[in-house]
């Protein structure tokens, strides 16, 4: 079962008026300490595996020549939270909580081996399990009380078949006007994109998922984004009722399992069509999506709103 942790108070402004800024800051320090203690109690470390020698990685090849990213993946995620003000947030691949700590809304985190070291400031349910097992449950997002997912971040296992299944499972619980962000989608060289990890910095072959979605789901809006370190992809225009990927899963899986060495398209390595995150986040589309998500949005209305991104 998930671990529910309420880790944020809203009394700061009121406290300042009543007891003054210095005493408020003292209360805040105590609160942060209490939250960390609570998180440690509710977040026991995963069982330790038998000690193994550290993996021996090979030096990375030279990176492809691509435009200098203006934002990191976490900075993009911060901007998405700010623009979308999501009612709900789901994250696959929690690790230490660096990205989950950016959420200020009701959240679910899924990771079989998370160890939270960052401060979490939202009401969150953590699931120490694989994403496949999580989504096999009868009502995996019951914590959201029937509200669909407005923002999801997929940063789990760095293999294409896992990322594909994560997207398929997540989309079924998304708001049609929601946003899915996938990490590690623009590897910087073919070695970094290997299925069998050989380098310290590793994106894996999840880049394949973008082409699979373009092939089988042309109804989706797919936007590569030039973020550091290994690029991201936004997926919009979602359809929670779609069965296209389920019906074509065997063929899609075969594409995922292409063995090393990986053949990464030149436009992926060079980020030829990747959007600049700063420019992207100034688009009026985000406000339009917020306005649409409370309605029984039609496909035509959703496509019209997304037109600004593809024009």
Protein backbone atom coordinates (compact mmCIF):
# COMPACT_ATOMS: atom_id res chain seq x y z
CA UNK A 1 0.00 0.00 0.00
CA UNK A 2 1.03 3.60 -0.40
CA UNK A 3 2.41 5.73 2.36
CA UNK A 4 0.42 8.95 2.78
CA UNK A 5 2.42 11.88 4.03
CA UNK A 6 0.99 15.37 4.52
CA UNK A 7 4.07 17.56 4.54
CA UNK A 8 3.04 21.14 3.98
CA UNK A 9 1.45 23.78 6.18
CA UNK A 10 -0.32 26.90 4.95
CA UNK A 11 -0.13 29.04 8.06
CA UNK A 12 2.99 31.05 7.25
CA UNK A 13 1.37 34.35 6.36
CA UNK A 14 -1.00 34.20 9.33
CA UNK A 15 1.82 33.40 11.74
CA UNK A 16 3.86 36.40 10.59
CA UNK A 17 0.99 38.71 11.44
CA UNK A 18 0.44 37.18 14.88
CA UNK A 19 3.92 36.38 16.23
CA UNK A 20 6.23 38.31 13.91
CA UNK A 21 8.78 37.22 11.29
CA UNK A 22 11.56 36.04 13.64
CA UNK A 23 9.37 33.70 15.66
CA UNK A 24 7.68 32.55 12.45
CA UNK A 25 11.06 31.55 11.04
CA UNK A 26 11.81 29.61 14.24
CA UNK A 27 8.52 27.76 13.84
CA UNK A 28 9.38 27.09 10.20
CA UNK A 29 12.75 25.59 11.19
CA UNK A 30 11.04 23.32 13.70
CA UNK A 31 8.43 22.38 11.07
CA UNK A 32 11.08 21.45 8.51
CA UNK A 33 12.87 19.29 11.08
CA UNK A 34 9.58 17.58 11.99
CA UNK A 35 8.77 16.93 8.32
CA UNK A 36 12.16 15.34 7.73
CA UNK A 37 11.72 13.15 10.79
CA UNK A 38 8.23 12.10 9.65
CA UNK A 39 9.46 11.35 6.15
CA UNK A 40 12.24 9.14 7.50
CA UNK A 41 9.79 7.23 9.67
CA UNK A 42 7.33 6.74 6.83
CA UNK A 43 10.06 6.09 4.31
CA UNK A 44 12.25 3.26 5.57
CA UNK A 45 15.15 2.55 3.32
CA UNK A 46 14.72 -0.21 0.80
CA UNK A 47 16.28 -3.51 1.84
CA UNK A 48 19.95 -3.45 1.07
CA UNK A 49 21.16 -5.83 -1.58
CA UNK A 50 24.23 -7.95 -1.05
CA UNK A 51 27.22 -5.67 -1.39
CA UNK A 52 28.60 -5.68 -4.90
CA UNK A 53 31.61 -3.98 -6.34
CA UNK A 54 30.87 -0.68 -8.04
CA UNK A 55 30.08 -1.06 -11.75
CA UNK A 56 32.95 -0.22 -14.02
CA UNK A 57 31.79 2.29 -16.61
CA UNK A 58 33.63 3.13 -19.79
CA UNK A 59 34.41 6.74 -20.74
CA UNK A 60 31.64 8.33 -22.75
CA UNK A 61 32.04 9.11 -26.41
CA UNK A 62 32.00 12.73 -27.52
CA UNK A 63 28.56 14.31 -27.36
CA UNK A 64 26.75 15.35 -30.51
CA UNK A 65 26.75 19.02 -31.42
CA UNK A 66 23.44 20.55 -30.30
CA UNK A 67 22.23 23.95 -29.03
CA UNK A 68 23.10 24.74 -25.43
CA UNK A 69 20.02 24.01 -23.29
CA UNK A 70 18.58 27.05 -21.55
CA UNK A 71 16.85 25.05 -18.81
CA UNK A 72 17.23 21.74 -17.00
CA UNK A 73 14.52 19.09 -16.78
CA UNK A 74 13.72 20.23 -13.24
CA UNK A 75 13.45 23.86 -14.30
CA UNK A 76 11.02 22.80 -17.01
CA UNK A 77 9.04 20.84 -14.45
CA UNK A 78 8.92 23.88 -12.16
CA UNK A 79 7.56 25.95 -15.05
CA UNK A 80 4.92 23.33 -15.84
CA UNK A 81 3.75 23.27 -12.23
CA UNK A 82 3.57 27.07 -12.23
CA UNK A 83 1.70 27.35 -15.53
CA UNK A 84 -0.67 24.42 -15.09
CA UNK A 85 -1.33 24.62 -11.34
CA UNK A 86 -2.21 20.90 -11.54
CA UNK A 87 -4.86 19.49 -9.25
CA UNK A 88 -3.01 16.18 -9.25
CA UNK A 89 0.54 15.07 -10.06
CA UNK A 90 1.92 11.57 -10.65
CA UNK A 91 5.60 10.69 -10.83
CA UNK A 92 7.22 7.44 -11.89
CA UNK A 93 10.82 7.25 -10.71
CA UNK A 94 11.06 9.14 -7.41
CA UNK A 95 14.66 8.30 -6.45
CA UNK A 96 15.68 10.90 -3.82
CA UNK A 97 12.69 13.20 -4.30
CA UNK A 98 14.36 16.00 -6.29
CA UNK A 99 11.48 16.27 -8.76
CA UNK A 100 8.70 15.22 -6.38
CA UNK A 101 9.85 18.01 -4.08
CA UNK A 102 8.77 20.54 -6.73
CA UNK A 103 5.09 19.60 -6.40
CA UNK A 104 2.69 21.63 -4.28
CA UNK A 105 -0.41 19.61 -5.09
CA UNK A 106 -1.78 16.18 -4.20
CA UNK A 107 0.78 13.75 -5.58
CA UNK A 108 1.56 10.08 -6.08
CA UNK A 109 5.13 8.80 -6.39
CA UNK A 110 6.03 5.31 -7.62
CA UNK A 111 9.49 3.77 -7.29
CA UNK A 112 10.58 0.33 -6.04
CA UNK A 113 13.69 1.73 -4.37
CA UNK A 114 13.17 5.38 -3.48
CA UNK A 115 15.14 6.95 -0.64
CA UNK A 116 13.80 10.44 0.03
CA UNK A 117 16.52 12.92 0.94
CA UNK A 118 14.85 16.09 -0.33
CA UNK A 119 12.18 18.12 1.42
CA UNK A 120 8.68 17.23 0.22
CA UNK A 121 6.09 20.01 0.48
CA UNK A 122 2.90 18.39 -0.72
CA UNK A 123 0.38 15.79 0.33
CA UNK A 124 1.87 12.68 -1.21
CA UNK A 125 1.28 8.96 -1.41
CA UNK A 126 4.47 6.99 -2.01
CA UNK A 127 4.42 3.48 -3.45
CA UNK A 128 7.52 1.32 -3.08
CA UNK A 129 6.77 -0.91 -6.04
CA UNK A 130 7.31 -1.14 -9.79
CA UNK A 131 5.10 0.92 -12.04
CA UNK A 132 3.78 -2.24 -13.72
CA UNK A 133 2.64 -3.62 -10.37
CA UNK A 134 1.21 -0.26 -9.31
CA UNK A 135 -0.98 0.04 -12.40
CA UNK A 136 -2.15 -3.56 -12.10
CA UNK A 137 -4.12 -2.60 -8.98
CA UNK A 138 -7.90 -2.13 -9.23
CA UNK A 139 -7.80 1.63 -8.58
CA UNK A 140 -4.18 2.75 -8.48
CA UNK A 141 -4.94 6.48 -8.28
CA UNK A 142 -7.74 6.29 -5.69
CA UNK A 143 -5.72 8.80 -3.65
CA UNK A 144 -6.86 11.45 -6.15
CA UNK A 145 -10.53 10.94 -5.24
CA UNK A 146 -11.72 10.68 -8.84
CA UNK A 147 -9.81 13.72 -10.12
CA UNK A 148 -7.84 12.77 -13.25
CA UNK A 149 -4.11 13.39 -13.48
CA UNK A 150 -3.26 16.87 -14.72
CA UNK A 151 0.54 16.46 -14.83
CA UNK A 152 2.66 13.30 -14.96
CA UNK A 153 6.44 12.88 -15.04
CA UNK A 154 7.86 9.58 -16.33
CA UNK A 155 11.46 9.02 -15.28
CA UNK A 156 11.53 5.34 -14.41
CA UNK A 157 13.46 2.45 -15.91
CA UNK A 158 15.63 3.66 -18.80
CA UNK A 159 14.46 1.02 -21.27
CA UNK A 160 12.00 1.78 -24.04
CA UNK A 161 9.49 -0.96 -23.24
CA UNK A 162 9.15 0.24 -19.64
CA UNK A 163 8.70 3.88 -20.65
CA UNK A 164 6.15 2.87 -23.29
CA UNK A 165 4.10 0.86 -20.79
CA UNK A 166 4.35 3.69 -18.29
CA UNK A 167 2.89 6.09 -20.84
CA UNK A 168 0.14 3.65 -21.81
CA UNK A 169 -0.84 3.15 -18.19
CA UNK A 170 -0.58 6.81 -17.21
CA UNK A 171 -2.67 8.05 -20.15
CA UNK A 172 -5.63 5.96 -19.01
CA UNK A 173 -5.81 8.08 -15.84
CA UNK A 174 -5.02 11.49 -17.37
CA UNK A 175 -7.21 14.48 -17.99
CA UNK A 176 -7.50 14.91 -21.79
CA UNK A 177 -6.14 18.42 -21.21
CA UNK A 178 -3.32 17.07 -19.06
CA UNK A 179 0.40 16.95 -19.79
CA UNK A 180 2.85 14.03 -19.70
CA UNK A 181 6.59 14.76 -19.47
CA UNK A 182 9.08 11.98 -20.32
CA UNK A 183 12.73 12.29 -19.35
CA UNK A 184 15.93 11.05 -21.05
CA UNK A 185 14.43 11.34 -24.52
CA UNK A 186 17.35 13.07 -26.28
CA UNK A 187 20.54 11.07 -25.63
CA UNK A 188 23.77 12.87 -26.45
CA UNK A 189 25.47 9.95 -28.18
CA UNK A 190 24.70 6.36 -29.08
CA UNK A 191 26.68 4.95 -26.16
CA UNK A 192 24.55 6.95 -23.71
CA UNK A 193 21.48 5.43 -25.41
CA UNK A 194 22.58 1.81 -24.93
CA UNK A 195 20.15 -0.67 -23.41
CA UNK A 196 23.02 -2.28 -21.52
CA UNK A 197 24.37 0.55 -19.39
CA UNK A 198 28.05 1.19 -19.99
CA UNK A 199 28.51 4.85 -19.02
CA UNK A 200 27.98 6.75 -15.78
CA UNK A 201 25.59 9.17 -17.50
CA UNK A 202 22.88 6.98 -19.02
CA UNK A 203 19.70 7.83 -20.89
CA UNK A 204 18.95 4.33 -22.15
CA UNK A 205 16.88 3.75 -25.27
CA UNK A 206 13.67 5.46 -24.17
CA UNK A 207 14.12 7.86 -27.11
CA UNK A 208 12.38 5.17 -29.21
CA UNK A 209 9.07 5.89 -27.47
CA UNK A 210 8.64 9.22 -29.26
CA UNK A 211 8.77 7.57 -32.69
CA UNK A 212 6.45 4.78 -31.55
CA UNK A 213 3.90 7.36 -30.42
CA UNK A 214 4.24 9.27 -33.68
CA UNK A 215 3.68 6.06 -35.64
CA UNK A 216 0.67 4.69 -33.79
CA UNK A 217 -0.81 7.80 -32.19
CA UNK A 218 -0.75 10.69 -34.67
CA UNK A 219 -3.58 12.22 -32.61
CA UNK A 220 -1.06 13.10 -29.90
CA UNK A 221 0.99 16.29 -29.83
CA UNK A 222 4.62 15.31 -29.20
CA UNK A 223 7.16 18.03 -28.45
CA UNK A 224 10.85 17.29 -27.82
CA UNK A 225 12.36 19.88 -25.50
CA UNK A 226 16.05 20.81 -25.35
CA UNK A 227 16.62 20.45 -21.61
CA UNK A 228 19.76 19.39 -19.80
CA UNK A 229 21.10 16.89 -19.40
CA UNK A 230 19.42 14.29 -21.64
CA UNK A 231 16.37 16.01 -23.05
CA UNK A 232 12.66 15.64 -22.46
CA UNK A 233 9.48 15.13 -24.47
CA UNK A 234 6.06 16.61 -23.75
CA UNK A 235 2.98 14.67 -24.80
CA UNK A 236 -0.35 16.50 -25.03
CA UNK A 237 -3.76 15.97 -26.62
CA UNK A 238 -4.31 12.86 -24.54
CA UNK A 239 -7.09 10.32 -24.98
CA UNK A 240 -7.67 8.16 -21.87
CA UNK A 241 -10.06 5.95 -23.85
CA UNK A 242 -7.61 5.07 -26.64
CA UNK A 243 -6.76 1.39 -27.14
CA UNK A 244 -4.50 1.88 -30.15
CA UNK A 245 -1.26 1.21 -28.29
CA UNK A 246 -2.75 -1.80 -26.53
CA UNK A 247 -3.89 -3.24 -29.87
CA UNK A 248 -0.46 -2.66 -31.44
CA UNK A 249 1.66 -3.48 -28.42
CA UNK A 250 3.45 -6.51 -29.89
CA UNK A 251 4.71 -4.53 -32.88
CA UNK A 252 5.66 -1.58 -30.69
CA UNK A 253 7.48 -3.88 -28.28
CA UNK A 254 9.53 -5.33 -31.12
CA UNK A 255 10.70 -1.81 -31.97
CA UNK A 256 11.61 -1.23 -28.33
CA UNK A 257 13.79 -4.33 -28.14
CA UNK A 258 16.18 -3.47 -30.98
CA UNK A 259 19.58 -4.52 -29.57
CA UNK A 260 22.73 -2.49 -28.99
CA UNK A 261 24.41 -0.65 -30.51
CA UNK A 262 21.48 1.73 -30.76
CA UNK A 263 20.95 3.72 -33.93
CA UNK A 264 19.88 7.12 -32.67
CA UNK A 265 18.47 9.41 -35.39
CA UNK A 266 20.73 12.32 -36.18
CA UNK A 267 17.93 14.81 -35.52
CA UNK A 268 17.54 13.33 -32.04
CA UNK A 269 21.25 13.58 -31.25
CA UNK A 270 21.46 17.13 -32.59
CA UNK A 271 18.08 18.10 -31.10
CA UNK A 272 17.19 19.56 -34.48
CA UNK A 273 13.47 19.85 -33.78
CA UNK A 274 13.66 20.27 -30.01
CA UNK A 275 11.88 23.31 -28.60
CA UNK A 276 13.64 25.85 -26.44
CA UNK A 277 12.06 25.46 -22.99
CA UNK A 278 12.02 29.18 -22.22
CA UNK A 279 10.17 30.01 -25.44
CA UNK A 280 7.88 27.01 -25.06
CA UNK A 281 6.69 27.99 -21.60
CA UNK A 282 5.64 31.47 -22.78
CA UNK A 283 2.99 29.92 -25.04
CA UNK A 284 -0.65 30.79 -24.28
CA UNK A 285 -1.53 27.11 -24.66
CA UNK A 286 -0.95 26.35 -20.96
CA UNK A 287 -3.69 28.72 -19.81
CA UNK A 288 -6.00 27.26 -22.45
CA UNK A 289 -5.37 23.73 -21.16
CA UNK A 290 -6.19 24.82 -17.62
CA UNK A 291 -9.46 26.27 -18.87
CA UNK A 292 -10.37 23.08 -20.72
CA UNK A 293 -9.65 20.48 -18.08
CA UNK A 294 -12.75 21.18 -16.00
CA UNK A 295 -15.00 20.66 -19.00
CA UNK A 296 -16.05 17.59 -20.95
CA UNK A 297 -13.61 18.75 -23.57
CA UNK A 298 -14.21 17.82 -27.21
CA UNK A 299 -11.39 16.64 -29.43
CA UNK A 300 -11.93 19.63 -31.69
CA UNK A 301 -11.57 22.08 -28.80
CA UNK A 302 -8.44 20.35 -27.57
CA UNK A 303 -6.85 20.29 -31.01
CA UNK A 304 -7.67 23.97 -31.47
CA UNK A 305 -6.00 24.85 -28.17
CA UNK A 306 -2.90 22.84 -29.08
CA UNK A 307 -2.66 24.42 -32.51
CA UNK A 308 -0.50 27.24 -31.15
CA UNK A 309 2.24 24.74 -30.29
CA UNK A 310 2.42 23.18 -33.74
CA UNK A 311 1.85 26.27 -35.87
